[in-house]
Protein backbone atom coordinates (compact mmCIF):
# COMPACT_ATOMS: atom_id res chain seq x y z
CA MET A 1 14.54 -9.82 24.31
CA ILE A 2 12.71 -7.19 23.55
CA ALA A 3 8.80 -7.58 23.32
CA ILE A 4 5.89 -5.88 21.31
CA GLU A 5 2.16 -6.54 20.62
CA THR A 6 0.24 -4.89 17.53
CA ARG A 7 -3.70 -4.35 17.14
CA HIS A 8 -5.44 -5.24 14.15
CA GLU A 9 -8.99 -4.73 13.30
CA THR A 10 -11.05 -5.43 10.06
CA HIS A 11 -14.40 -4.29 9.67
CA ILE A 12 -16.67 -5.19 7.09
CA ARG A 13 -18.20 -2.12 5.60
CA SER A 14 -17.99 0.31 3.52
CA ALA A 15 -15.06 3.06 3.91
CA GLU A 16 -17.60 5.78 4.33
CA ASN A 17 -18.83 4.89 7.73
CA MET A 18 -15.39 5.40 8.86
CA LYS A 19 -16.36 7.86 11.39
CA GLU A 20 -16.18 5.88 14.63
CA LEU A 21 -12.77 6.14 13.56
CA PRO A 22 -10.93 8.82 16.12
CA GLU A 23 -9.37 12.26 14.76
CA ASN A 24 -5.60 12.39 14.22
CA SER A 25 -5.69 8.77 14.74
CA VAL A 26 -3.83 7.06 11.64
CA ASP A 27 -0.03 7.91 10.66
CA LEU A 28 -0.71 6.00 7.23
CA VAL A 29 -2.88 5.74 4.49
CA VAL A 30 -1.78 2.81 2.10
CA THR A 31 -4.24 1.85 -0.26
CA SER A 32 -5.24 0.20 -3.60
CA PRO A 33 -8.99 1.43 -4.32
CA PRO A 34 -10.86 -0.50 -7.34
CA TYR A 35 -10.32 1.66 -10.53
CA PRO A 36 -12.78 3.53 -12.20
CA MET A 37 -13.46 1.96 -15.96
CA ILE A 38 -11.74 -1.27 -15.23
CA GLY A 39 -13.75 -3.67 -16.18
CA MET A 40 -13.65 -6.02 -13.54
CA TRP A 41 -14.87 -3.04 -11.06
CA ASP A 42 -17.49 -2.31 -12.62
CA THR A 43 -20.37 -4.45 -11.18
CA ILE A 44 -18.78 -3.47 -7.47
CA PHE A 45 -19.26 0.72 -8.52
CA ALA A 46 -22.61 0.04 -10.14
CA LYS A 47 -24.55 -1.82 -7.18
CA LEU A 48 -23.22 1.32 -5.39
CA ASP A 49 -25.25 3.58 -7.38
CA PRO A 50 -27.58 3.03 -10.52
CA ALA A 51 -26.67 5.87 -11.96
CA ILE A 52 -23.54 4.45 -12.68
CA ALA A 53 -25.26 1.00 -14.03
CA GLN A 54 -27.02 3.62 -16.73
CA ALA A 55 -23.97 5.07 -18.14
CA LEU A 56 -22.53 1.70 -18.52
CA GLU A 57 -25.41 0.38 -20.46
CA GLU A 58 -25.50 3.75 -22.81
CA GLY A 59 -22.34 3.48 -23.08
CA THR A 60 -21.26 7.11 -21.67
CA ALA A 61 -18.11 6.75 -20.41
CA ARG A 62 -17.20 10.46 -19.01
CA LYS A 63 -20.41 10.16 -17.33
CA ALA A 64 -19.47 6.95 -15.50
CA PHE A 65 -16.03 7.70 -15.31
CA PHE A 66 -16.87 10.81 -13.06
CA LEU A 67 -19.60 9.02 -10.69
CA MET A 68 -17.64 6.04 -9.56
CA HIS A 69 -14.75 9.09 -8.57
CA GLU A 70 -17.79 10.40 -6.30
CA LYS A 71 -17.65 7.11 -4.87
CA LEU A 72 -14.36 7.19 -3.40
CA ASP A 73 -14.51 10.39 -3.15
CA ALA A 74 -16.78 10.13 -0.10
CA VAL A 75 -13.58 8.07 1.36
CA TRP A 76 -11.25 10.11 0.42
CA GLU A 77 -12.66 12.77 2.51
CA GLU A 78 -12.61 10.84 5.43
CA LEU A 79 -8.69 10.88 5.48
CA PRO A 80 -7.71 14.66 6.79
CA ARG A 81 -10.34 14.19 9.43
CA VAL A 82 -8.73 10.47 10.56
CA MET A 83 -4.88 11.22 9.72
CA LYS A 84 -2.53 12.74 11.91
CA GLU A 85 -0.73 16.07 11.13
CA GLY A 86 2.57 15.12 9.07
CA GLY A 87 1.04 11.44 8.14
CA ILE A 88 1.23 10.04 4.45
CA VAL A 89 -1.39 8.46 1.72
CA CYS A 90 -0.71 6.19 -0.75
CA VAL A 91 -3.13 5.18 -3.44
CA ASN A 92 -1.96 2.65 -5.60
CA ILE A 93 -4.15 3.82 -8.98
CA GLY A 94 -3.76 2.43 -12.20
CA ASP A 95 -5.09 5.05 -15.39
CA ALA A 96 -7.82 2.94 -17.60
CA THR A 97 -8.04 2.83 -21.20
CA ARG A 98 -11.41 1.32 -22.99
CA SER A 99 -14.17 2.19 -26.05
CA MET A 100 -17.18 2.68 -25.89
CA ASN A 101 -19.47 3.42 -28.46
CA GLY A 102 -16.67 3.02 -31.10
CA ARG A 103 -14.56 6.11 -28.99
CA PHE A 104 -11.39 3.92 -27.53
CA GLU A 105 -9.68 6.98 -24.65
CA LEU A 106 -8.05 6.33 -21.47
CA HIS A 107 -9.80 7.38 -18.25
CA PRO A 108 -6.94 9.32 -15.92
CA ASN A 109 -7.47 7.86 -12.54
CA ALA A 110 -4.26 9.26 -11.43
CA ALA A 111 -4.77 12.95 -12.11
CA ARG A 112 -8.98 13.23 -10.96
CA ILE A 113 -7.95 11.48 -7.32
CA THR A 114 -4.93 13.69 -7.02
CA GLU A 115 -7.28 16.83 -7.71
CA LYS A 116 -9.53 15.39 -5.23
CA MET A 117 -6.84 14.78 -2.35
CA LEU A 118 -5.65 18.55 -3.58
CA ALA A 119 -8.80 20.18 -2.42
CA LEU A 120 -9.27 18.37 0.51
CA GLY A 121 -6.25 20.22 1.66
CA LEU A 122 -3.45 16.82 1.50
CA SER A 123 0.11 18.14 -0.36
CA ALA A 124 0.97 16.47 -3.70
CA LEU A 125 4.63 14.07 -2.76
CA PRO A 126 6.72 12.43 -5.41
CA SER A 127 5.24 9.47 -6.82
CA VAL A 128 6.17 6.33 -7.95
CA ILE A 129 5.52 4.84 -11.21
CA TRP A 130 4.61 1.11 -11.04
CA LYS A 131 6.42 -1.25 -13.95
CA LYS A 132 4.22 -4.06 -13.67
CA PRO A 133 5.32 -7.29 -16.13
CA THR A 134 3.01 -8.19 -19.16
CA ASN A 135 2.64 -11.66 -20.83
CA ALA A 136 0.37 -10.24 -23.76
CA PRO A 137 1.40 -12.56 -26.60
CA ASN A 138 0.42 -9.26 -28.54
CA LYS A 139 1.09 -5.42 -26.90
CA PHE A 140 -0.63 -3.48 -30.20
CA LEU A 141 -3.64 -1.15 -29.71
CA GLY A 142 -5.04 0.51 -32.05
CA SER A 143 -3.37 0.22 -35.68
CA GLY A 144 -0.46 -1.68 -35.51
CA MET A 145 2.38 -0.55 -37.62
CA LEU A 146 -0.03 1.97 -39.02
CA PRO A 147 0.50 5.23 -38.01
CA VAL A 148 -1.88 7.20 -36.89
CA ASN A 149 -4.51 5.68 -35.13
CA ALA A 150 -1.93 2.79 -33.08
CA TYR A 151 -2.16 3.59 -29.17
CA VAL A 152 1.03 3.61 -26.42
CA THR A 153 0.28 0.35 -24.26
CA LEU A 154 -0.89 1.36 -20.64
CA GLU A 155 2.34 -1.05 -18.72
CA HIS A 156 2.55 0.98 -15.00
CA GLU A 157 0.27 1.71 -12.15
CA GLN A 158 1.40 4.85 -9.92
CA ILE A 159 1.25 5.31 -6.20
CA LEU A 160 0.31 8.34 -5.62
CA ILE A 161 1.76 10.05 -1.94
CA PHE A 162 0.01 12.89 -0.32
CA ARG A 163 0.93 14.27 2.99
CA LYS A 164 -1.79 16.30 5.68
CA GLY A 165 0.18 18.63 6.89
CA ALA A 166 3.93 20.10 7.74
CA PRO A 167 6.58 17.35 7.57
CA ARG A 168 6.15 15.43 11.34
CA PHE A 169 7.64 15.82 13.88
CA PHE A 170 9.11 13.53 16.37
CA GLU A 171 8.68 15.45 20.13
CA THR A 172 9.24 12.56 22.44
CA SER A 173 11.59 10.27 23.02
CA GLU A 174 9.76 7.90 23.02
CA GLU A 175 8.59 8.56 19.23
CA ARG A 176 12.53 8.93 18.15
CA ARG A 177 13.50 5.90 19.57
CA ARG A 178 10.71 3.82 17.80
CA ARG A 179 12.40 6.53 14.69
CA ALA A 180 15.97 4.92 14.87
CA GLU A 181 14.70 1.30 15.27
CA SER A 182 12.56 1.74 12.32
CA ALA A 183 15.75 2.87 10.24
CA LEU A 184 16.75 1.51 6.78
CA PHE A 185 19.87 0.42 5.80
CA TYR A 186 21.17 2.62 2.85
CA GLU A 187 21.05 0.78 0.30
CA GLU A 188 17.79 -0.22 0.91
CA ARG A 189 16.62 3.42 1.38
CA ASN A 190 18.02 3.96 -2.44
CA ARG A 191 16.61 0.83 -3.97
CA LEU A 192 13.12 2.10 -1.93
CA PHE A 193 13.39 6.13 -2.44
CA SER A 194 13.42 5.62 -6.47
CA SER A 195 10.62 6.93 -8.67
CA PHE A 196 10.30 3.92 -10.64
CA TRP A 197 10.09 0.33 -9.50
CA GLU A 198 9.58 -3.03 -11.05
CA VAL A 199 7.52 -5.46 -9.22
CA GLY A 200 5.80 -8.54 -10.17
CA GLY A 201 3.32 -10.13 -8.88
CA LYS A 202 4.81 -12.89 -6.80
CA LYS A 203 3.61 -13.55 -3.26
CA GLN A 204 0.44 -12.45 -3.17
CA LEU A 205 -1.89 -13.81 -0.34
CA LEU A 206 -4.14 -14.92 -2.87
CA SER A 207 -4.71 -17.79 -5.26
CA GLY A 208 -7.12 -19.30 -7.88
CA LYS A 209 -10.76 -16.85 -8.37
CA ASN A 210 -10.11 -14.69 -5.08
CA ARG A 211 -7.14 -13.33 -6.74
CA GLU A 212 -8.52 -12.55 -9.74
CA ARG A 213 -11.38 -10.78 -8.70
CA SER A 214 -9.38 -8.78 -5.78
CA ALA A 215 -6.28 -8.14 -7.97
CA ALA A 216 -4.57 -7.96 -4.97
CA PHE A 217 -1.25 -6.22 -5.12
CA PRO A 218 1.98 -8.35 -4.45
CA LEU A 219 2.96 -8.23 -0.70
CA GLU A 220 6.02 -6.34 -1.53
CA ILE A 221 4.56 -3.29 -2.47
CA PRO A 222 3.02 -2.10 1.04
CA LEU A 223 5.89 -3.40 2.81
CA ARG A 224 7.37 -1.29 0.82
CA LEU A 225 5.83 1.96 1.79
CA ILE A 226 5.34 0.54 5.03
CA ARG A 227 9.28 0.88 5.86
CA MET A 228 9.55 4.19 3.85
CA PHE A 229 6.65 5.84 5.44
CA SER A 230 6.16 4.85 9.12
CA VAL A 231 8.03 3.81 12.37
CA ARG A 232 7.32 0.77 14.80
CA GLU A 233 4.07 0.60 16.53
CA ASP A 234 2.14 3.60 14.41
CA THR A 235 -1.26 2.95 12.73
CA VAL A 236 -1.54 2.07 9.01
CA LEU A 237 -5.38 1.93 7.72
CA ASP A 238 -6.36 0.41 4.44
CA PRO A 239 -10.03 1.86 3.52
CA PHE A 240 -10.01 -0.51 0.38
CA LEU A 241 -8.49 -3.20 2.19
CA GLY A 242 -9.40 -5.93 -0.36
CA THR A 243 -7.91 -9.91 0.48
CA GLY A 244 -5.82 -8.10 3.46
CA THR A 245 -2.63 -7.67 1.90
CA THR A 246 -1.72 -4.08 3.59
CA GLN A 247 -2.46 -5.85 7.62
CA PHE A 248 -0.70 -8.44 6.87
CA ALA A 249 2.39 -6.22 6.10
CA ALA A 250 1.48 -4.20 8.41
CA ALA A 251 1.63 -6.72 10.73
CA MET A 252 4.99 -8.02 9.89
CA LEU A 253 6.90 -4.62 10.63
CA GLY A 254 5.31 -4.24 13.73
CA ARG A 255 3.03 -1.76 13.00
CA ASN A 256 -1.38 -1.46 14.29
CA SER A 257 -3.76 -2.21 11.26
CA ILE A 258 -6.87 -0.83 10.45
CA GLY A 259 -8.96 -1.99 7.10
CA PHE A 260 -12.56 -1.55 5.86
CA GLU A 261 -13.92 -3.70 3.25
CA ILE A 262 -17.25 -3.85 1.81
CA ASP A 263 -17.07 -7.84 0.20
CA ALA A 264 -17.08 -9.58 3.09
CA SER A 265 -15.98 -13.09 1.03
CA LEU A 266 -12.77 -11.30 0.18
CA VAL A 267 -11.77 -10.53 3.97
CA THR A 268 -12.63 -14.13 5.39
CA ASP A 269 -9.42 -14.76 3.59
CA LEU A 270 -7.44 -13.00 6.03
CA SER A 271 -7.33 -14.98 9.21
CA ASP A 272 -5.91 -17.89 6.77
CA THR A 273 -3.22 -15.96 6.34
CA LEU A 274 -2.26 -15.43 9.87
CA ALA A 275 -0.80 -18.68 10.58
CA SER A 276 1.68 -17.70 8.24
CA LEU A 277 2.42 -14.65 9.97
CA PRO A 278 6.06 -16.29 11.91
CA ALA A 279 7.21 -18.09 8.88
CA THR A 280 6.74 -15.13 6.44
CA SER A 281 8.50 -12.39 9.38
CA ARG A 282 11.27 -14.44 9.67
CA ASP A 283 12.31 -14.44 5.73
CA SER A 284 11.57 -10.89 5.11
CA ILE A 285 13.96 -10.10 7.97
CA GLU A 286 16.70 -12.72 7.11
CA GLY A 287 16.39 -11.38 3.16
CA ARG A 288 16.87 -7.63 4.57
CA ILE A 289 19.63 -8.40 6.70
CA ALA A 290 21.61 -10.99 3.65
CA ARG A 291 21.18 -8.02 1.02
CA HIS A 292 22.68 -5.16 3.55
CA GLU A 293 25.67 -8.17 4.17
CA ASP A 294 25.89 -8.16 0.64
CA PHE A 295 26.58 -4.91 0.22
CA VAL A 296 29.03 -4.87 2.67
CA LYS A 297 30.88 -7.21 1.15
CA SER A 298 30.69 -5.06 -2.16
CA SER A 299 31.29 -1.67 -0.63
CA LYS A 300 34.56 -0.50 -1.72
CA THR A 301 35.03 2.08 0.66
CA PRO A 302 35.36 0.74 4.65
CA LEU A 303 31.71 1.11 6.73
CA HIS A 304 32.77 3.07 10.00
CA TYR A 305 29.37 3.21 11.60
CA ARG A 306 27.78 -0.11 14.09
CA THR A 307 24.23 -0.90 14.66
CA GLU A 308 23.90 -0.79 18.40
CA ALA A 309 22.21 -3.95 17.87
CA GLY A 310 24.77 -7.05 16.55
CA GLY A 311 27.07 -4.70 15.57
CA ILE A 312 26.50 -4.44 11.92
CA PRO A 313 28.73 -2.65 9.42
CA VAL A 314 26.39 0.34 8.40
CA LYS A 315 26.91 3.57 5.71
CA THR A 316 26.15 5.84 8.30
CA ARG A 317 25.21 7.07 11.90
CA GLN A 318 21.43 7.30 11.08
CA GLU A 319 21.52 3.60 10.93
CA GLU A 320 23.07 2.73 13.98
CA GLY A 321 19.69 2.36 15.87
CA ILE A 322 18.11 -0.43 13.30
CA ARG A 323 16.47 -2.69 15.10
CA PHE A 324 14.30 -6.00 13.97
CA TYR A 325 10.70 -7.86 15.54
CA ALA A 326 9.97 -11.07 14.32
CA VAL A 327 6.24 -12.22 14.61
CA GLN A 328 6.04 -15.14 17.38
CA LYS A 329 2.94 -15.72 16.88
CA THR A 330 -1.23 -14.13 16.87
CA SER A 331 -3.94 -14.51 18.50
CA ARG A 332 -7.68 -13.75 18.18
CA LEU A 333 -8.86 -10.52 20.94
CA GLN A 334 -12.23 -10.98 19.57
CA LYS A 335 -13.88 -10.82 15.74
CA GLY A 336 -12.53 -9.09 13.25
CA VAL A 337 -9.79 -7.85 15.90
CA HIS A 338 -6.71 -9.67 16.03
CA ILE A 339 -3.03 -8.88 17.93
CA VAL A 340 0.00 -9.47 16.78
CA HIS A 341 2.80 -10.86 19.08
CA HIS A 342 6.60 -9.35 18.01
CA THR A 343 10.23 -10.47 20.00
CA GLU A 344 13.80 -8.62 18.63
CA TYR A 345 15.09 -10.68 16.28
CA PRO A 346 18.96 -10.74 17.60
CA LEU A 347 21.35 -9.68 14.96
């Protein structure tokens, strides 16, 4: 059986201090930063800059919005240096709606981040609209049934996608092998590479107060993005780590990871989740295989190709190299650094 090891580093400090990361060392960024002008993050932004606290107190919404984004900018400015050529950046962000001083308006976080990424020289790629389920009993904002002062309810977030430089080139035979092993099933590729996702909030890593305070995105989101935009043993960076959902997903999928988080009370929960990695990893693999078997059964045309491992019928030749690696165990190398051991999952 083939075995691999991946390394996962957690740094308890702001990602503005990523300067010790080597140049051209990151293959993929998957992150969800604090959302400017969403009330639950006011405190953390105000601690970073007293001018933000003053703007919020005075009710000068636009000033607060731009000052908050300047704190995020300091992190984005590090990305072109640490990313490899062809590397991908995925940012999960929601716009904000808010009333201050009697004025209701939308604060376009996605547009502001896109503007910054373009200024840094990154290329914008087609993005994803993530429709989130809502349990709100009353969706009406503003004047309800009466025109013209009612407002559209904001029920989605965006996953912005950017690339550094030209498309990634896989030069060596080893790189091409890892890419082939990381292929998606045909039907899986069609589902993931859609511009509209409906993903519920299940399979969070936390519950209770820490989940509410972190607003962690569901595990399915980084799992999808890491499968889509990286290959086995790549390095994934999350500069706003939170509870460690991105690192958990990277470990499941046999990628290395680095995370930065300024709030140490959130990161401590990551260690508690590592014990569940082997079982969660196997469940995920078995789920993918089961969904593919359903596709094979429902296919109206013969599938002429077979995977090299296990001989599973597949739609295209690009799927022949697919292999799965399940987490066998985890071990702590030192404080903030874990090694995850994977073995090939038999097909």
